[in-house]
Amino acid sequence: MDKLEREIRESKFSELMNKHFAASSIPKGLYCLSLRLTDEYSSNAHARRQLPSPELLPVLSNNSYHHFVLSTDNILAASVVVTSSVRSSLKPEKIVFHIITDKKTYAGMHAWFALNPVSPAIVEVKGVHQFDWLTRENVPVLEAVENHHGIRNYYHGNHIAGANLSDTTPRTFASKLQARSPKYISLLNHLRIYLPELFPNLDKVVFLDDDVVIQRDLSPLWEIDLRGKVNGAVETCKGEDEWNLKSNLTMWKLGTLPPALIAFKGHIHPIDQSWHILGLGYQSKTNVENVKSAAVIHYNGQSKPWLQIGFEHLRPFWTKILVSLFQQGFLAFGKSCEKIQDSEEFPIGVGR
């Protein structure tokens, strides 16, 4: 009996490890799409056209528009966020999206939005390498985190070595794996801290994660009086009153959340809970009716809707946007996307 229980326990930990690796990997279909778009950028002048067009550049710093910031290296996820925002808006002509991506994804991201405009909204695509302010001197914590051997090993090393699994429950182990996602030391993850420096001419922006879908007009957010606070957010967690600031970079291991809770303590204006429902990436029993009524649905957690491990009953809220995007993509790319759609490797089987 003890042997059987031990085998079941080891199998559970193995399952959790496999899920962690699946959540951290890039599906072949998404990788292939990025490569094809990058090739399109190099060979198609239309894919390289300026975003936005020169006559619309003043709008990028015009505070009468509704400015959204999206920081991501996932082209399809960005497309879903932007498209769902525009379709849900009562004033799409007032929307400006500032999409920030890394250098390797820039060409593909630019090509997608150049060839698939979301008119009448305006989209700007910039790589982190195109921001003069974004240097290691101005963002010292990133260099410290990336160059710190212990931190790098924490995210990219052997997650089982040294762990006493006999004294660890599967749930605790799953939480520890989730906390070791490499995204937490990504520059794109940290950009939200530096929005005032990156967009000094904008008075108010709405920052969106790339794993959300917009289902309701968000323009009322610009009418909210923050009452002198610097940040408005739906309260989903609260920091402890006391923090160990002598943590030797430990508090940065979970990305921006712990330091943000410290930095913005007392400076956040709470907004109504109906604006945001989260947990669609880890709570399989999420109430579908609650999801339908939320303004923003958030697939935070490992089970992203573009992965095979995504929850089947929650995925359609994301895929219905994606299906229409691929219909647009065929018009722009012809057969370049057709092979991806028909591929057995495509993560969610669009069109099958």
Protein backbone atom coordinates (compact mmCIF):
# COMPACT_ATOMS: atom_id res chain seq x y z
CA MET A 1 0.00 0.00 0.00
CA ASP A 2 2.84 2.38 0.90
CA LYS A 3 4.50 1.69 -2.45
CA LEU A 4 1.27 2.42 -4.33
CA GLU A 5 0.73 5.66 -2.44
CA ARG A 6 4.31 6.70 -3.12
CA GLU A 7 3.90 5.98 -6.85
CA ILE A 8 0.66 7.99 -6.98
CA ARG A 9 2.34 10.85 -5.18
CA GLU A 10 5.34 10.81 -7.54
CA SER A 11 2.99 10.68 -10.50
CA LYS A 12 1.19 13.79 -9.22
CA PHE A 13 4.43 15.72 -8.84
CA SER A 14 5.48 14.61 -12.33
CA GLU A 15 2.15 15.84 -13.69
CA LEU A 16 2.68 19.23 -12.04
CA MET A 17 6.18 19.50 -13.50
CA ASN A 18 4.89 18.66 -16.98
CA LYS A 19 2.18 21.30 -16.66
CA HIS A 20 4.77 23.84 -15.56
CA PHE A 21 6.90 23.11 -18.62
CA ALA A 22 3.83 23.26 -20.88
CA ALA A 23 2.87 26.64 -19.45
CA SER A 24 6.39 28.01 -19.92
CA SER A 25 6.85 26.78 -23.50
CA ILE A 26 5.86 28.39 -26.79
CA PRO A 27 3.44 26.32 -28.90
CA LYS A 28 4.83 25.49 -32.32
CA GLY A 29 1.93 27.22 -34.04
CA LEU A 30 2.57 30.53 -32.27
CA TYR A 31 6.30 30.32 -32.93
CA CYS A 32 5.69 29.54 -36.60
CA LEU A 33 3.26 32.46 -36.92
CA SER A 34 5.86 34.84 -35.49
CA LEU A 35 8.49 33.58 -37.95
CA ARG A 36 6.14 33.94 -40.91
CA LEU A 37 5.19 37.46 -39.90
CA THR A 38 8.85 38.38 -39.47
CA ASP A 39 9.50 37.12 -42.99
CA GLU A 40 6.49 39.15 -44.19
CA TYR A 41 8.00 42.24 -42.54
CA SER A 42 11.25 41.80 -44.47
CA SER A 43 9.65 41.07 -47.86
CA ASN A 44 6.43 43.09 -47.88
CA ALA A 45 6.54 46.88 -47.86
CA HIS A 46 2.95 47.04 -46.58
CA ALA A 47 4.00 45.08 -43.50
CA ARG A 48 6.63 47.74 -42.76
CA ARG A 49 4.38 50.76 -43.14
CA GLN A 50 4.63 53.30 -40.35
CA LEU A 51 2.36 52.73 -37.36
CA PRO A 52 0.49 54.92 -37.00
CA SER A 53 0.63 56.90 -40.25
CA PRO A 54 2.56 60.21 -40.03
CA GLU A 55 -0.53 62.42 -39.90
CA LEU A 56 -1.75 60.55 -36.80
CA LEU A 57 1.47 60.79 -34.78
CA PRO A 58 0.21 63.78 -32.70
CA VAL A 59 -2.60 61.56 -31.40
CA LEU A 60 -0.04 59.41 -29.54
CA SER A 61 0.36 62.17 -26.96
CA ASN A 62 -3.15 63.65 -27.15
CA ASN A 63 -4.85 63.30 -23.76
CA SER A 64 -8.33 63.61 -25.22
CA TYR A 65 -7.95 60.02 -26.48
CA HIS A 66 -8.16 56.83 -24.45
CA HIS A 67 -4.67 55.37 -24.24
CA PHE A 68 -4.04 51.69 -23.54
CA VAL A 69 -0.62 50.13 -22.94
CA LEU A 70 0.05 46.48 -23.70
CA SER A 71 3.46 44.90 -23.07
CA THR A 72 3.86 41.46 -24.65
CA ASP A 73 5.82 39.17 -26.96
CA ASN A 74 2.72 37.12 -27.87
CA ILE A 75 1.32 38.33 -31.21
CA LEU A 76 -1.95 36.41 -31.09
CA ALA A 77 -2.62 37.41 -27.48
CA ALA A 78 -1.99 41.06 -28.36
CA SER A 79 -4.36 40.76 -31.30
CA VAL A 80 -7.12 39.38 -29.08
CA VAL A 81 -6.69 42.14 -26.49
CA VAL A 82 -6.72 44.93 -29.07
CA THR A 83 -9.56 43.51 -31.16
CA SER A 84 -11.80 42.75 -28.19
CA SER A 85 -11.17 46.27 -26.81
CA VAL A 86 -12.12 47.94 -30.08
CA ARG A 87 -15.19 45.78 -30.67
CA SER A 88 -16.48 46.38 -27.14
CA SER A 89 -15.94 50.12 -27.25
CA LEU A 90 -18.71 52.66 -27.79
CA LYS A 91 -16.04 55.10 -28.91
CA PRO A 92 -13.50 53.04 -30.91
CA GLU A 93 -12.32 56.16 -32.73
CA LYS A 94 -10.99 57.43 -29.38
CA ILE A 95 -8.83 54.36 -28.70
CA VAL A 96 -5.03 54.44 -28.96
CA PHE A 97 -3.06 51.27 -28.25
CA HIS A 98 0.63 51.49 -27.38
CA ILE A 99 2.02 47.98 -27.84
CA ILE A 100 5.51 47.35 -26.47
CA THR A 101 7.36 44.17 -27.38
CA ASP A 102 10.90 42.82 -27.32
CA LYS A 103 13.40 43.14 -30.14
CA LYS A 104 12.98 39.60 -31.48
CA THR A 105 9.18 39.94 -31.75
CA TYR A 106 9.06 43.53 -33.01
CA ALA A 107 9.06 42.78 -36.75
CA GLY A 108 6.32 40.15 -36.49
CA MET A 109 4.18 42.26 -34.16
CA HIS A 110 4.52 45.29 -36.42
CA ALA A 111 3.67 43.24 -39.52
CA TRP A 112 0.49 41.85 -37.98
CA PHE A 113 -0.96 45.24 -37.06
CA ALA A 114 0.26 46.87 -40.27
CA LEU A 115 -1.53 44.24 -42.35
CA ASN A 116 -4.53 43.89 -40.03
CA PRO A 117 -5.53 47.42 -38.97
CA VAL A 118 -8.20 47.83 -36.27
CA SER A 119 -9.68 51.02 -37.68
CA PRO A 120 -10.90 53.41 -36.43
CA ALA A 121 -8.64 52.74 -33.43
CA ILE A 122 -4.97 53.68 -33.63
CA VAL A 123 -2.14 51.26 -32.88
CA GLU A 124 1.50 52.03 -32.18
CA VAL A 125 4.03 49.18 -32.01
CA LYS A 126 7.40 49.81 -30.40
CA GLY A 127 10.25 47.56 -29.36
CA VAL A 128 11.98 48.03 -26.04
CA HIS A 129 15.11 48.86 -28.04
CA GLN A 130 13.34 51.94 -29.45
CA PHE A 131 12.90 53.69 -26.09
CA ASP A 132 15.82 56.02 -25.41
CA TRP A 133 15.00 56.08 -21.70
CA LEU A 134 14.92 52.31 -21.26
CA THR A 135 18.56 51.66 -20.40
CA ARG A 136 20.26 49.50 -17.80
CA GLU A 137 21.25 52.67 -15.97
CA ASN A 138 17.60 53.67 -15.58
CA VAL A 139 16.38 50.17 -14.77
CA PRO A 140 19.09 48.85 -12.42
CA VAL A 141 16.96 46.20 -10.76
CA LEU A 142 16.60 44.31 -14.03
CA GLU A 143 20.31 44.04 -14.56
CA ALA A 144 20.70 42.95 -10.95
CA VAL A 145 18.00 40.29 -11.25
CA GLU A 146 19.16 38.95 -14.62
CA ASN A 147 22.82 38.81 -13.63
CA HIS A 148 22.29 37.40 -10.14
CA HIS A 149 23.26 33.72 -10.36
CA GLY A 150 20.88 32.67 -7.61
CA ILE A 151 17.95 34.38 -9.27
CA ARG A 152 18.71 32.91 -12.71
CA ASN A 153 19.05 29.44 -11.22
CA TYR A 154 15.78 29.92 -9.34
CA TYR A 155 13.88 30.36 -12.61
CA HIS A 156 15.87 28.27 -15.07
CA GLY A 157 17.50 25.65 -12.86
CA ASN A 158 16.37 22.23 -11.65
CA HIS A 159 13.09 22.85 -9.81
CA ILE A 160 13.21 19.52 -7.97
CA ALA A 161 16.84 19.39 -6.89
CA GLY A 162 17.10 20.09 -3.20
CA ALA A 163 13.34 20.00 -2.68
CA ASN A 164 12.02 17.68 0.02
CA LEU A 165 8.95 16.37 -1.76
CA SER A 166 8.09 14.05 1.10
CA ASP A 167 7.25 17.09 3.25
CA THR A 168 5.54 19.03 0.45
CA THR A 169 1.92 18.76 -0.61
CA PRO A 170 1.13 18.78 -4.35
CA ARG A 171 -0.76 22.06 -3.91
CA THR A 172 2.22 23.75 -2.25
CA PHE A 173 4.55 22.37 -4.92
CA ALA A 174 2.23 23.69 -7.67
CA SER A 175 2.28 27.16 -6.08
CA LYS A 176 6.07 27.13 -5.93
CA LEU A 177 6.31 26.12 -9.59
CA GLN A 178 3.94 28.91 -10.58
CA ALA A 179 6.16 31.37 -8.72
CA ARG A 180 9.12 30.19 -10.79
CA SER A 181 7.78 31.25 -14.16
CA PRO A 182 10.61 32.88 -16.16
CA LYS A 183 8.22 35.69 -17.14
CA TYR A 184 8.84 37.26 -13.73
CA ILE A 185 12.32 38.41 -14.74
CA SER A 186 11.22 39.55 -18.19
CA LEU A 187 11.78 43.20 -19.03
CA LEU A 188 8.28 43.29 -20.55
CA ASN A 189 6.82 42.28 -17.20
CA HIS A 190 8.54 45.17 -15.43
CA LEU A 191 7.61 47.92 -17.88
CA ARG A 192 4.39 48.74 -16.04
CA ILE A 193 6.47 50.28 -13.27
CA TYR A 194 8.00 52.78 -15.70
CA LEU A 195 4.89 53.98 -17.57
CA PRO A 196 5.33 57.62 -16.44
CA GLU A 197 8.86 57.63 -17.86
CA LEU A 198 7.91 55.83 -21.08
CA PHE A 199 4.86 58.04 -21.74
CA PRO A 200 5.66 61.36 -20.04
CA ASN A 201 3.09 63.33 -22.07
CA LEU A 202 0.12 61.19 -21.10
CA ASP A 203 -1.94 62.03 -18.02
CA LYS A 204 -3.77 58.71 -17.76
CA VAL A 205 -3.32 55.27 -19.35
CA VAL A 206 -4.93 51.87 -18.84
CA PHE A 207 -2.41 49.03 -18.67
CA LEU A 208 -3.71 45.66 -19.88
CA ASP A 209 -2.12 42.25 -19.49
CA ASP A 210 -1.89 40.13 -22.63
CA ASP A 211 -4.03 37.33 -21.20
CA VAL A 212 -7.26 39.32 -20.97
CA VAL A 213 -10.35 39.69 -23.14
CA ILE A 214 -12.39 42.91 -23.10
CA GLN A 215 -16.16 42.38 -23.10
CA ARG A 216 -17.49 45.83 -22.23
CA ASP A 217 -16.79 49.43 -23.13
CA LEU A 218 -13.88 50.67 -21.00
CA SER A 219 -14.21 54.39 -21.73
CA PRO A 220 -15.88 55.06 -18.32
CA LEU A 221 -12.54 54.25 -16.71
CA TRP A 222 -11.29 57.63 -17.91
CA GLU A 223 -14.12 59.33 -16.04
CA ILE A 224 -13.21 57.81 -12.66
CA ASP A 225 -11.95 60.36 -10.15
CA LEU A 226 -8.88 58.79 -8.58
CA ARG A 227 -9.08 61.33 -5.73
CA GLY A 228 -5.43 62.14 -5.82
CA LYS A 229 -4.26 58.54 -6.05
CA VAL A 230 -1.73 57.58 -8.71
CA ASN A 231 -3.27 54.21 -9.53
CA GLY A 232 -6.75 52.79 -9.92
CA ALA A 233 -7.29 49.03 -9.73
CA VAL A 234 -9.71 46.29 -8.76
CA GLU A 235 -8.48 44.95 -5.44
CA THR A 236 -7.56 41.30 -5.89
CA CYS A 237 -4.96 41.00 -3.14
CA LYS A 238 -3.62 43.08 -0.31
CA GLY A 239 -0.04 43.30 0.87
CA GLU A 240 1.03 42.68 4.43
CA ASP A 241 1.65 45.66 6.67
CA GLU A 242 5.23 44.60 7.29
CA TRP A 243 7.71 43.61 4.57
CA ASN A 244 11.25 42.41 4.82
CA LEU A 245 13.04 44.98 2.69
CA LYS A 246 16.42 43.36 3.34
CA SER A 247 15.49 40.55 1.01
CA ASN A 248 18.52 40.56 -1.30
CA LEU A 249 16.28 40.67 -4.41
CA THR A 250 13.94 38.03 -3.02
CA MET A 251 10.88 40.28 -3.28
CA TRP A 252 11.54 40.65 -7.03
CA LYS A 253 11.23 36.91 -7.60
CA LEU A 254 7.48 37.24 -8.12
CA GLY A 255 7.85 39.97 -10.70
CA THR A 256 6.38 43.40 -10.09
CA LEU A 257 3.59 42.55 -7.65
CA PRO A 258 5.47 42.54 -4.28
CA PRO A 259 7.49 45.72 -4.95
CA ALA A 260 4.39 47.38 -6.45
CA LEU A 261 2.37 46.60 -3.33
CA ILE A 262 5.07 48.35 -1.33
CA ALA A 263 5.53 51.30 -3.68
CA PHE A 264 1.81 52.00 -4.17
CA LYS A 265 0.58 51.27 -0.67
CA GLY A 266 -1.86 54.03 0.18
CA HIS A 267 -1.80 55.37 -3.38
CA ILE A 268 -4.33 53.04 -5.04
CA HIS A 269 -7.94 53.99 -5.64
CA PRO A 270 -10.14 50.85 -5.65
CA ILE A 271 -12.54 50.47 -8.55
CA ASP A 272 -15.66 48.33 -8.76
CA GLN A 273 -15.16 44.55 -8.82
CA SER A 274 -17.42 44.17 -11.86
CA TRP A 275 -14.67 45.58 -14.06
CA HIS A 276 -12.47 42.53 -13.69
CA ILE A 277 -12.76 38.81 -13.08
CA LEU A 278 -9.54 36.84 -12.73
CA GLY A 279 -8.46 33.26 -12.26
CA LEU A 280 -9.52 31.84 -15.62
CA GLY A 281 -6.04 30.36 -15.95
CA TYR A 282 -6.10 28.37 -12.72
CA GLN A 283 -9.67 28.14 -11.40
CA SER A 284 -11.35 25.41 -13.44
CA LYS A 285 -14.64 25.87 -11.56
CA THR A 286 -15.00 29.55 -12.48
CA ASN A 287 -18.67 30.42 -12.89
CA VAL A 288 -19.35 30.95 -16.60
CA GLU A 289 -22.22 33.37 -15.92
CA ASN A 290 -19.88 35.58 -13.88
CA VAL A 291 -17.42 35.49 -16.76
CA LYS A 292 -20.11 36.60 -19.22
CA SER A 293 -20.99 39.66 -17.13
CA ALA A 294 -17.44 40.91 -16.43
CA ALA A 295 -15.97 43.83 -18.34
CA VAL A 296 -12.49 42.29 -18.42
CA ILE A 297 -11.83 38.57 -18.06
CA HIS A 298 -8.33 37.55 -17.05
CA TYR A 299 -6.69 34.21 -17.81
CA ASN A 300 -4.00 34.66 -15.17
CA GLY A 301 -2.40 31.38 -14.19
CA GLN A 302 -0.79 28.53 -16.10
CA SER A 303 -3.76 27.40 -18.19
CA LYS A 304 -3.67 30.08 -20.87
CA PRO A 305 -6.38 29.80 -23.55
CA TRP A 306 -3.78 29.45 -26.33
CA LEU A 307 -2.28 26.36 -24.67
CA GLN A 308 -3.49 22.78 -24.76
CA ILE A 309 -3.75 22.91 -20.96
CA GLY A 310 -6.30 25.72 -21.12
CA PHE A 311 -9.74 24.98 -19.66
CA GLU A 312 -12.11 23.89 -22.42
CA HIS A 313 -15.23 25.59 -21.03
CA LEU A 314 -13.44 28.94 -20.52
CA ARG A 315 -11.44 28.98 -23.75
CA PRO A 316 -14.32 30.03 -26.10
CA PHE A 317 -14.38 33.56 -24.67
CA TRP A 318 -10.89 33.95 -26.12
CA THR A 319 -11.13 31.79 -29.24
CA LYS A 320 -14.20 33.54 -30.63
CA ILE A 321 -12.01 36.62 -31.07
CA LEU A 322 -9.19 34.53 -32.51
CA VAL A 323 -11.38 32.91 -35.17
CA SER A 324 -12.28 36.28 -36.62
CA LEU A 325 -8.62 37.35 -36.46
CA PHE A 326 -7.58 34.40 -38.60
CA GLN A 327 -10.27 35.22 -41.11
CA GLN A 328 -8.65 38.64 -41.38
CA GLY A 329 -5.21 37.03 -41.45
CA PHE A 330 -6.05 34.99 -44.54
CA LEU A 331 -6.88 38.19 -46.39
CA ALA A 332 -3.52 39.67 -45.44
CA PHE A 333 -1.22 36.68 -45.73
CA GLY A 334 -2.92 34.23 -48.05
CA LYS A 335 -1.34 30.81 -47.69
CA SER A 336 1.26 31.92 -45.14
CA CYS A 337 -1.28 31.47 -42.32
CA GLU A 338 -3.24 28.69 -43.98
CA LYS A 339 -0.64 26.07 -43.13
CA ILE A 340 -0.63 27.18 -39.51
CA GLN A 341 -4.39 26.93 -39.27
CA ASP A 342 -4.45 23.44 -40.75
CA SER A 343 -1.47 22.25 -38.72
CA GLU A 344 -2.00 19.66 -36.03
CA GLU A 345 0.50 21.67 -34.00
CA PHE A 346 -1.74 24.72 -33.81
CA PRO A 347 -2.54 25.04 -30.09
CA ILE A 348 -6.30 25.44 -30.25
CA GLY A 349 -7.33 24.01 -33.59
CA VAL A 350 -8.83 27.08 -35.23
CA GLY A 351 -10.95 26.11 -38.22
CA ARG A 352 -11.00 22.38 -37.50
